[in-house]
Amino acid sequence: MQLSNQRYTIQGVDVLTIADEFGLPLYVYDADKIIEKIGLLRAAFAGVNLRIKYAAKALTNVSILKLMRQQGVEMDSVSVNEARIGVLAGFEPRQIMFTPSGVSFDEIREAIDMGLQLNVDSLSLLEWVGQNYGDRVPVSIRINPHISEGGNIKISTGHADSKFGISILQRSDIKSIVDRYQISVTGLHIHTGSDFKNANAFLKGADVLFELASDYPDLTFIDFGSGFKVAYKEGDHVTDVAELGKQVSAAFLKFCQQYGRDLELWFEPGKFLVSESGHLLVKTNIVKENPTRTFVAVDSGLNHLIRPMMYDSYHDIKNISNPGGEEKTYNVVGYICETDTFATDRSLPEVRPEDVLSFENAGAYGFSMSSNYNARLRPAEVLVYDGKPHLIRQRETFEDLLRGQVDVDIFNQQEIVNA
């Protein structure tokens, strides 16, 4: 989003015009920013056989998936339904990695029948695959390396107490099951969390996987997951992707030489690709001045963007309607009957009722984690592509809230009981 002559624009399109055309609240995504991020990642790993698997859980809209496919990016899914949406977007099942976490064996069977690449993250699942499929279904194995890097423990997945992956301490157990059933292991996978500032976490994970690779002579890829840190506010430290690419590529090429052949290097970025592309536009309902605080209440809440409440995450806020206003301090809150505070003591250009605000970095885990709490409707989604805004999801209606509910008649014949 660019500010010029007191007007915010996306690809030259006035943001207030987008708000007027599609209504509020509204998720708006900038396709150019997504394409830029894909290019940065490719450039950083230009010296290796790179395959990018977009983590679709970050933003699962079918049009976003089509954009990824158009750009030569493949897909990572954590549910069969995500994979189904990917197939509708044009992905071949073999292009979709399926990384389940504690799902039923019925879902695993469905994923295998679809032809997805199965990523096994527990010994019990590995045993089940061996018992039911033997060597007929190639798998990758997700390893928990017992590495704790990054800041927020809520988004760290590689520490010893994490539910994700098979502990590296169970290396011999993995090998025993694989040998017993002659399971075909074609890949090794690691994902240690998010918000890594440098290459250290990836290099530590690489050491674990490179050592483990000696157990499996038929690998075709090594998957390092993701965890690239993006900026949420001015001055934020971000992952130096170019330096990361240089260090990890060198280590990977050295490993391939020792392994005896070239493998593919996979990454599964989600937030890195879509976070900065997204803007949640909201309308100011009221400005409420208390003796100790001034609250800005907007027509959204944790039902649309739960990250600030769930992860204490910071999202920059822009006053789209009054960017040149006098700076004042506010608490920005939602309309949900819970404590749904987006920002505390935030300095913003003066906010007035009806002003349009934008929560930045809303592309990842915004709409995809939204809900109908308080019987509120989910917003519409718009993708700005080639200088034009396109509606890619309709705003929900009251009828959508009732869809699936069954109004049974068991109460109709009973008398009303007076309280």
Protein backbone atom coordinates (compact mmCIF):
# COMPACT_ATOMS: atom_id res chain seq x y z
CA MET A 1 0.00 0.00 0.00
CA GLN A 2 1.42 3.37 -1.04
CA LEU A 3 0.66 6.86 0.33
CA SER A 4 0.85 9.73 -2.15
CA ASN A 5 -0.85 13.13 -1.94
CA GLN A 6 -2.73 11.97 1.18
CA ARG A 7 -4.24 9.00 -0.69
CA TYR A 8 -3.53 5.35 -0.05
CA THR A 9 -3.41 3.18 -3.16
CA ILE A 10 -2.75 -0.45 -4.10
CA GLN A 11 -1.36 -0.85 -7.62
CA GLY A 12 -2.64 2.67 -8.32
CA VAL A 13 -6.18 1.88 -7.15
CA ASP A 14 -7.54 4.20 -4.43
CA VAL A 15 -8.14 2.12 -1.28
CA LEU A 16 -11.20 4.17 -0.29
CA THR A 17 -12.65 3.43 -3.72
CA ILE A 18 -12.16 -0.28 -3.08
CA ALA A 19 -13.90 0.11 0.29
CA ASP A 20 -16.83 1.94 -1.31
CA GLU A 21 -17.20 -0.63 -4.09
CA PHE A 22 -17.07 -3.80 -2.00
CA GLY A 23 -18.15 -2.64 1.47
CA LEU A 24 -16.60 -3.07 4.91
CA PRO A 25 -15.11 -4.92 6.66
CA LEU A 26 -13.04 -6.23 3.77
CA TYR A 27 -9.87 -8.24 3.18
CA VAL A 28 -7.79 -6.85 0.30
CA TYR A 29 -4.73 -8.63 -1.13
CA ASP A 30 -2.05 -7.21 -3.42
CA ALA A 31 -1.03 -9.84 -5.99
CA ASP A 32 2.12 -7.91 -6.88
CA LYS A 33 3.41 -8.26 -3.31
CA ILE A 34 2.91 -12.04 -3.41
CA ILE A 35 4.71 -12.30 -6.75
CA GLU A 36 7.54 -10.14 -5.37
CA LYS A 37 8.02 -12.47 -2.40
CA ILE A 38 8.11 -15.53 -4.63
CA GLY A 39 10.80 -13.84 -6.71
CA LEU A 40 12.88 -12.98 -3.65
CA LEU A 41 12.85 -16.58 -2.48
CA ARG A 42 13.76 -17.94 -5.91
CA ALA A 43 16.61 -15.46 -6.29
CA ALA A 44 17.99 -16.37 -2.84
CA PHE A 45 18.18 -20.07 -3.76
CA ALA A 46 19.07 -19.74 -7.41
CA GLY A 47 22.00 -22.16 -7.07
CA VAL A 48 19.98 -25.19 -5.97
CA ASN A 49 17.11 -27.27 -7.30
CA LEU A 50 14.42 -25.37 -5.38
CA ARG A 51 10.77 -26.31 -5.03
CA ILE A 52 8.41 -23.90 -3.23
CA LYS A 53 5.37 -25.43 -1.54
CA TYR A 54 2.95 -22.72 -0.43
CA ALA A 55 1.53 -23.44 3.05
CA ALA A 56 -2.11 -23.08 2.09
CA LYS A 57 -3.34 -22.84 5.68
CA ALA A 58 -2.10 -19.24 5.72
CA LEU A 59 -4.67 -18.16 3.13
CA THR A 60 -6.67 -20.86 1.40
CA ASN A 61 -8.77 -18.90 -1.09
CA VAL A 62 -8.91 -20.75 -4.41
CA SER A 63 -7.93 -17.61 -6.35
CA ILE A 64 -4.81 -17.18 -4.22
CA LEU A 65 -3.94 -20.82 -4.92
CA LYS A 66 -4.44 -20.21 -8.65
CA LEU A 67 -2.05 -17.26 -8.42
CA MET A 68 0.53 -19.48 -6.72
CA ARG A 69 0.16 -22.15 -9.40
CA GLN A 70 0.48 -19.51 -12.14
CA GLN A 71 3.79 -18.48 -10.55
CA GLY A 72 5.10 -22.06 -10.53
CA VAL A 73 4.60 -22.54 -6.79
CA GLU A 74 3.26 -25.86 -5.53
CA MET A 75 1.30 -26.51 -2.34
CA ASP A 76 1.54 -27.79 1.22
CA SER A 77 -1.71 -28.86 2.93
CA VAL A 78 -2.58 -29.94 6.46
CA SER A 79 -6.04 -31.31 5.68
CA VAL A 80 -7.67 -33.23 2.86
CA ASN A 81 -10.11 -30.35 2.30
CA GLU A 82 -7.22 -27.95 1.76
CA ALA A 83 -5.87 -30.41 -0.80
CA ARG A 84 -9.27 -30.62 -2.49
CA ILE A 85 -9.32 -26.85 -2.87
CA GLY A 86 -5.82 -27.09 -4.32
CA VAL A 87 -7.00 -29.61 -6.90
CA LEU A 88 -9.86 -27.26 -7.81
CA ALA A 89 -7.23 -24.54 -8.27
CA GLY A 90 -5.47 -26.76 -10.82
CA PHE A 91 -2.73 -28.47 -8.81
CA GLU A 92 -1.93 -32.07 -9.58
CA PRO A 93 -2.26 -34.22 -6.43
CA ARG A 94 1.44 -35.13 -6.72
CA GLN A 95 2.24 -31.40 -6.36
CA ILE A 96 0.56 -31.26 -2.95
CA MET A 97 2.41 -32.22 0.22
CA PHE A 98 0.06 -33.50 2.94
CA THR A 99 1.42 -32.93 6.44
CA PRO A 100 -1.21 -34.09 8.94
CA SER A 101 -1.09 -33.60 12.69
CA GLY A 102 -3.04 -36.16 14.67
CA VAL A 103 -5.74 -36.72 12.05
CA SER A 104 -7.73 -39.93 11.66
CA PHE A 105 -6.46 -42.86 9.63
CA ASP A 106 -9.56 -42.45 7.44
CA GLU A 107 -8.27 -39.03 6.38
CA ILE A 108 -4.82 -40.47 5.75
CA ARG A 109 -6.34 -43.17 3.56
CA GLU A 110 -8.27 -40.54 1.63
CA ALA A 111 -5.10 -38.50 1.08
CA ILE A 112 -3.25 -41.57 -0.20
CA ASP A 113 -6.14 -42.44 -2.51
CA MET A 114 -6.00 -38.87 -3.88
CA GLY A 115 -2.31 -39.32 -4.69
CA LEU A 116 -0.93 -36.69 -2.30
CA GLN A 117 2.65 -36.74 -1.03
CA LEU A 118 2.30 -38.02 2.54
CA ASN A 119 4.47 -36.48 5.24
CA VAL A 120 4.49 -38.76 8.32
CA ASP A 121 4.79 -37.09 11.71
CA SER A 122 4.31 -39.92 14.22
CA LEU A 123 5.59 -43.44 14.78
CA SER A 124 2.02 -44.74 15.00
CA LEU A 125 1.20 -43.32 11.59
CA LEU A 126 4.42 -44.72 10.13
CA GLU A 127 3.51 -48.15 11.53
CA TRP A 128 -0.01 -47.88 10.08
CA VAL A 129 1.33 -46.95 6.64
CA GLY A 130 3.68 -49.93 6.76
CA GLN A 131 0.96 -52.34 7.83
CA ASN A 132 -1.52 -51.17 5.20
CA TYR A 133 0.65 -50.18 2.24
CA GLY A 134 4.13 -51.62 2.72
CA ASP A 135 6.43 -50.20 0.05
CA ARG A 136 3.59 -49.07 -2.25
CA VAL A 137 3.24 -45.54 -0.84
CA PRO A 138 6.36 -43.35 -0.75
CA VAL A 139 6.50 -41.07 2.28
CA SER A 140 8.53 -38.29 3.75
CA ILE A 141 9.21 -38.19 7.47
CA ARG A 142 8.75 -35.09 9.61
CA ILE A 143 11.43 -34.85 12.28
CA ASN A 144 11.24 -32.88 15.50
CA PRO A 145 14.88 -31.79 15.93
CA HIS A 146 14.53 -30.44 19.49
CA ILE A 147 15.62 -26.99 18.31
CA SER A 148 14.14 -23.92 19.97
CA GLU A 149 14.70 -20.78 17.92
CA GLY A 150 12.63 -17.67 17.34
CA GLY A 151 10.63 -15.73 19.90
CA ASN A 152 7.02 -16.69 20.59
CA ILE A 153 6.71 -20.23 21.97
CA LYS A 154 3.15 -20.35 20.61
CA ILE A 155 4.52 -20.43 17.06
CA SER A 156 7.54 -22.62 17.77
CA THR A 157 7.15 -26.23 16.62
CA GLY A 158 10.61 -27.78 16.82
CA HIS A 159 11.22 -27.81 20.57
CA ALA A 160 11.26 -31.03 22.60
CA ASP A 161 7.74 -30.58 23.99
CA SER A 162 6.08 -29.81 20.65
CA LYS A 163 3.37 -32.13 19.32
CA PHE A 164 4.78 -31.85 15.79
CA GLY A 165 7.05 -34.40 14.16
CA ILE A 166 8.85 -37.53 15.32
CA SER A 167 11.54 -36.86 17.90
CA ILE A 168 15.07 -37.17 16.59
CA LEU A 169 15.71 -39.27 19.71
CA GLN A 170 13.49 -41.92 18.12
CA ARG A 171 15.75 -42.29 15.09
CA SER A 172 16.31 -46.00 15.63
CA ASP A 173 12.57 -46.60 16.05
CA ILE A 174 11.87 -44.87 12.73
CA LYS A 175 14.48 -46.98 10.98
CA SER A 176 13.16 -50.17 12.55
CA ILE A 177 9.61 -49.56 11.28
CA VAL A 178 10.82 -48.54 7.83
CA ASP A 179 12.96 -51.67 7.52
CA ARG A 180 10.25 -53.97 8.87
CA TYR A 181 7.73 -52.94 6.22
CA GLN A 182 10.19 -51.87 3.50
CA ILE A 183 8.58 -48.41 3.45
CA SER A 184 9.81 -46.16 0.66
CA VAL A 185 11.21 -42.97 2.25
CA THR A 186 11.76 -40.33 -0.43
CA GLY A 187 12.00 -37.20 1.70
CA LEU A 188 12.96 -35.80 5.10
CA HIS A 189 11.11 -32.83 6.53
CA ILE A 190 11.67 -30.35 9.33
CA HIS A 191 9.75 -27.25 10.41
CA THR A 192 10.83 -25.62 13.63
CA GLY A 193 8.42 -22.67 13.78
CA SER A 194 8.26 -19.05 12.73
CA ASP A 195 10.03 -15.70 12.98
CA PHE A 196 13.63 -16.82 12.60
CA LYS A 197 15.90 -13.82 12.23
CA ASN A 198 18.82 -15.58 10.55
CA ALA A 199 20.02 -18.85 9.09
CA ASN A 200 20.97 -20.46 12.40
CA ALA A 201 17.74 -22.41 12.91
CA PHE A 202 17.81 -23.71 9.35
CA LEU A 203 21.46 -24.69 9.57
CA LYS A 204 20.89 -26.51 12.86
CA GLY A 205 17.95 -28.32 11.32
CA ALA A 206 20.04 -29.08 8.26
CA ASP A 207 22.68 -30.78 10.38
CA VAL A 208 19.99 -33.01 11.87
CA LEU A 209 18.49 -33.98 8.51
CA PHE A 210 21.82 -34.42 6.74
CA GLU A 211 22.95 -36.84 9.44
CA LEU A 212 19.63 -38.70 9.34
CA ALA A 213 19.79 -38.96 5.55
CA SER A 214 22.47 -41.60 5.86
CA ASP A 215 19.72 -44.00 6.95
CA TYR A 216 17.78 -43.55 3.70
CA PRO A 217 19.62 -44.03 0.37
CA ASP A 218 16.68 -43.25 -1.93
CA LEU A 219 15.80 -39.68 -0.96
CA THR A 220 14.70 -37.24 -3.64
CA PHE A 221 14.19 -34.13 -1.49
CA ILE A 222 14.96 -32.42 1.80
CA ASP A 223 12.20 -30.09 3.12
CA PHE A 224 13.16 -27.28 5.49
CA GLY A 225 9.61 -26.04 6.09
CA SER A 226 9.61 -22.30 6.64
CA GLY A 227 9.81 -19.71 9.41
CA PHE A 228 11.01 -16.58 7.62
CA LYS A 229 10.40 -13.46 9.70
CA VAL A 230 8.48 -10.59 8.12
CA ALA A 231 8.20 -6.99 9.33
CA TYR A 232 5.07 -6.04 11.26
CA LYS A 233 6.15 -2.51 12.07
CA GLU A 234 8.80 0.06 11.19
CA GLY A 235 12.24 -1.11 12.29
CA ASP A 236 11.30 -4.77 12.73
CA HIS A 237 14.12 -7.23 12.18
CA VAL A 238 13.38 -9.49 9.22
CA THR A 239 15.00 -12.62 7.87
CA ASP A 240 17.75 -11.74 5.42
CA VAL A 241 16.53 -14.15 2.76
CA ALA A 242 19.50 -13.51 0.47
CA GLU A 243 22.00 -14.35 3.22
CA LEU A 244 19.88 -17.30 4.31
CA GLY A 245 19.87 -18.60 0.75
CA LYS A 246 23.61 -18.24 0.47
CA GLN A 247 24.36 -20.16 3.69
CA VAL A 248 21.72 -22.87 3.39
CA SER A 249 22.45 -23.44 -0.31
CA ALA A 250 26.14 -23.92 0.40
CA ALA A 251 25.39 -26.44 3.14
CA PHE A 252 22.85 -28.25 0.97
CA LEU A 253 25.15 -28.51 -2.05
CA LYS A 254 27.92 -29.87 0.15
CA PHE A 255 25.50 -32.46 1.54
CA CYS A 256 24.35 -33.50 -1.96
CA GLN A 257 27.96 -34.06 -2.96
CA GLN A 258 28.49 -36.29 0.08
CA TYR A 259 25.15 -38.07 -0.46
CA GLY A 260 26.18 -38.93 -4.00
CA ARG A 261 23.56 -37.14 -6.09
CA ASP A 262 21.61 -33.91 -6.34
CA LEU A 263 18.37 -33.68 -4.38
CA GLU A 264 15.59 -31.11 -4.44
CA LEU A 265 15.47 -28.48 -1.69
CA TRP A 266 11.92 -27.72 -0.57
CA PHE A 267 10.51 -24.82 1.44
CA GLU A 268 6.93 -24.34 2.62
CA PRO A 269 6.44 -20.59 3.12
CA GLY A 270 3.01 -19.31 4.05
CA LYS A 271 3.27 -16.07 6.00
CA PHE A 272 6.35 -15.01 4.04
CA LEU A 273 4.44 -15.12 0.75
CA VAL A 274 1.08 -13.61 1.72
CA SER A 275 1.30 -11.71 5.01
CA GLU A 276 2.42 -8.35 3.65
CA SER A 277 0.01 -8.57 0.73
CA GLY A 278 -3.04 -8.42 3.00
CA HIS A 279 -4.98 -5.47 4.40
CA LEU A 280 -8.09 -5.76 6.57
CA LEU A 281 -10.16 -2.64 5.96
CA VAL A 282 -12.62 -1.72 8.71
CA LYS A 283 -14.95 1.17 9.52
CA THR A 284 -14.80 3.14 12.76
CA ASN A 285 -18.09 2.79 14.60
CA ILE A 286 -17.46 5.04 17.57
CA VAL A 287 -14.68 6.99 19.26
CA LYS A 288 -15.22 6.58 22.98
CA GLU A 289 -13.37 8.92 25.33
CA ASN A 290 -12.94 7.63 28.88
CA PRO A 291 -11.05 9.45 31.66
CA THR A 292 -7.98 7.25 31.13
CA ARG A 293 -8.36 5.93 27.55
CA THR A 294 -9.75 6.83 24.20
CA PHE A 295 -11.19 3.81 22.43
CA VAL A 296 -11.67 3.40 18.71
CA ALA A 297 -14.31 0.71 18.16
CA VAL A 298 -14.45 -0.77 14.66
CA ASP A 299 -16.81 -3.05 12.75
CA SER A 300 -14.58 -6.09 13.18
CA GLY A 301 -13.04 -8.13 15.95
CA LEU A 302 -11.39 -11.38 16.88
CA ASN A 303 -13.89 -13.10 14.60
CA HIS A 304 -12.02 -11.60 11.61
CA LEU A 305 -8.45 -11.20 12.88
CA ILE A 306 -7.63 -13.25 15.97
CA ARG A 307 -3.82 -13.07 15.83
CA PRO A 308 -3.44 -10.02 18.15
CA MET A 309 -5.54 -11.76 20.81
CA MET A 310 -4.20 -15.30 20.28
CA TYR A 311 -0.51 -14.58 19.71
CA ASP A 312 -0.11 -11.01 21.02
CA SER A 313 0.91 -10.16 17.49
CA TYR A 314 1.46 -6.58 16.35
CA HIS A 315 -0.33 -5.27 13.28
CA ASP A 316 0.36 -1.79 12.01
CA ILE A 317 -2.81 0.31 11.66
CA LYS A 318 -3.31 3.07 9.10
CA ASN A 319 -6.03 5.70 9.03
CA ILE A 320 -6.95 5.55 5.36
CA SER A 321 -9.49 8.38 5.59
CA ASN A 322 -7.36 10.90 7.47
CA PRO A 323 -3.66 10.10 6.96
CA GLY A 324 -2.60 13.69 7.62
CA GLY A 325 -4.53 14.14 10.84
CA GLU A 326 -3.01 15.16 14.16
CA GLU A 327 -1.43 12.19 15.96
CA LYS A 328 -3.41 10.95 18.97
CA THR A 329 -3.24 7.87 21.17
CA TYR A 330 -5.94 5.21 21.06
CA ASN A 331 -6.88 1.70 22.06
CA VAL A 332 -8.32 0.07 18.95
CA VAL A 333 -10.95 -2.50 19.86
CA GLY A 334 -13.49 -4.73 18.15
CA TYR A 335 -17.25 -5.20 18.36
CA ILE A 336 -17.16 -8.71 19.84
CA CYS A 337 -18.47 -9.31 23.38
CA GLU A 338 -14.99 -10.35 24.54
CA THR A 339 -11.76 -8.49 25.16
CA ASP A 340 -10.81 -8.17 21.49
CA THR A 341 -8.20 -5.44 21.58
CA PHE A 342 -6.30 -4.96 18.34
CA ALA A 343 -3.89 -2.34 19.70
CA THR A 344 -3.15 -0.58 22.99
CA ASP A 345 -1.77 2.96 23.27
CA ARG A 346 -1.39 3.17 19.52
CA SER A 347 -0.48 6.54 17.98
CA LEU A 348 -2.67 7.23 14.92
CA PRO A 349 -3.72 10.22 12.86
CA GLU A 350 -6.93 11.51 14.45
CA VAL A 351 -9.68 8.90 14.09
CA ARG A 352 -13.27 10.01 13.60
CA PRO A 353 -16.50 8.00 13.36
CA GLU A 354 -16.86 6.47 9.86
CA ASP A 355 -13.11 6.67 9.18
CA VAL A 356 -11.67 3.66 7.34
CA LEU A 357 -8.73 1.97 9.05
CA SER A 358 -6.46 -0.71 7.66
CA PHE A 359 -4.83 -3.49 9.68
CA GLU A 360 -1.61 -4.32 7.87
CA ASN A 361 0.11 -7.68 7.41
CA ALA A 362 -3.31 -9.31 7.42
CA GLY A 363 -2.75 -11.69 4.52
CA ALA A 364 -1.62 -14.67 6.61
CA TYR A 365 -3.84 -16.36 9.18
CA GLY A 366 -6.43 -13.60 8.96
CA PHE A 367 -9.41 -14.81 7.01
CA SER A 368 -8.29 -18.43 7.28
CA MET A 369 -8.67 -18.28 11.10
CA SER A 370 -11.89 -16.25 11.08
CA SER A 371 -15.16 -17.41 12.63
CA ASN A 372 -18.82 -16.59 13.11
CA TYR A 373 -18.51 -15.90 16.82
CA ASN A 374 -21.33 -13.68 18.15
CA ALA A 375 -23.24 -14.69 14.99
CA ARG A 376 -21.14 -12.21 13.02
CA LEU A 377 -20.54 -12.57 9.30
CA ARG A 378 -17.19 -13.16 7.66
CA PRO A 379 -16.06 -10.35 5.33
CA ALA A 380 -15.59 -10.39 1.59
CA GLU A 381 -12.14 -10.83 0.02
CA VAL A 382 -10.70 -8.86 -2.90
CA LEU A 383 -7.52 -9.50 -4.90
CA VAL A 384 -5.92 -6.57 -6.69
CA TYR A 385 -4.37 -8.07 -9.81
CA ASP A 386 -2.95 -6.24 -12.81
CA GLY A 387 -4.21 -2.89 -11.49
CA LYS A 388 -7.80 -3.98 -10.93
CA PRO A 389 -9.66 -5.20 -7.81
CA HIS A 390 -11.42 -8.56 -8.19
CA LEU A 391 -13.94 -10.03 -5.75
CA ILE A 392 -12.63 -13.48 -4.78
CA ARG A 393 -15.01 -14.27 -1.92
CA GLN A 394 -18.51 -12.97 -1.36
CA ARG A 395 -19.47 -11.46 1.98
CA GLU A 396 -21.42 -13.88 4.13
CA THR A 397 -25.15 -13.39 4.67
CA PHE A 398 -27.53 -14.24 7.50
CA GLU A 399 -28.58 -17.31 5.52
CA ASP A 400 -24.99 -18.56 5.68
CA LEU A 401 -25.20 -18.52 9.48
CA LEU A 402 -28.22 -20.82 9.43
CA ARG A 403 -26.93 -23.17 6.74
CA GLY A 404 -26.58 -26.61 8.27
CA GLN A 405 -28.69 -25.87 11.31
CA VAL A 406 -31.78 -28.06 11.72
CA ASP A 407 -34.93 -26.47 13.16
CA VAL A 408 -36.51 -29.56 14.71
CA ASP A 409 -40.19 -29.51 15.67
CA ILE A 410 -39.84 -31.26 19.04
CA PHE A 411 -40.53 -28.01 20.88
CA ASN A 412 -43.55 -26.89 18.89
CA GLN A 413 -46.11 -29.02 20.78
CA GLN A 414 -44.86 -28.17 24.24
CA GLU A 415 -46.31 -25.41 26.37
CA ILE A 416 -44.14 -22.46 27.19
CA VAL A 417 -42.97 -22.67 30.78
CA ASN A 418 -43.26 -19.41 32.67
CA ALA A 419 -40.08 -18.45 34.44
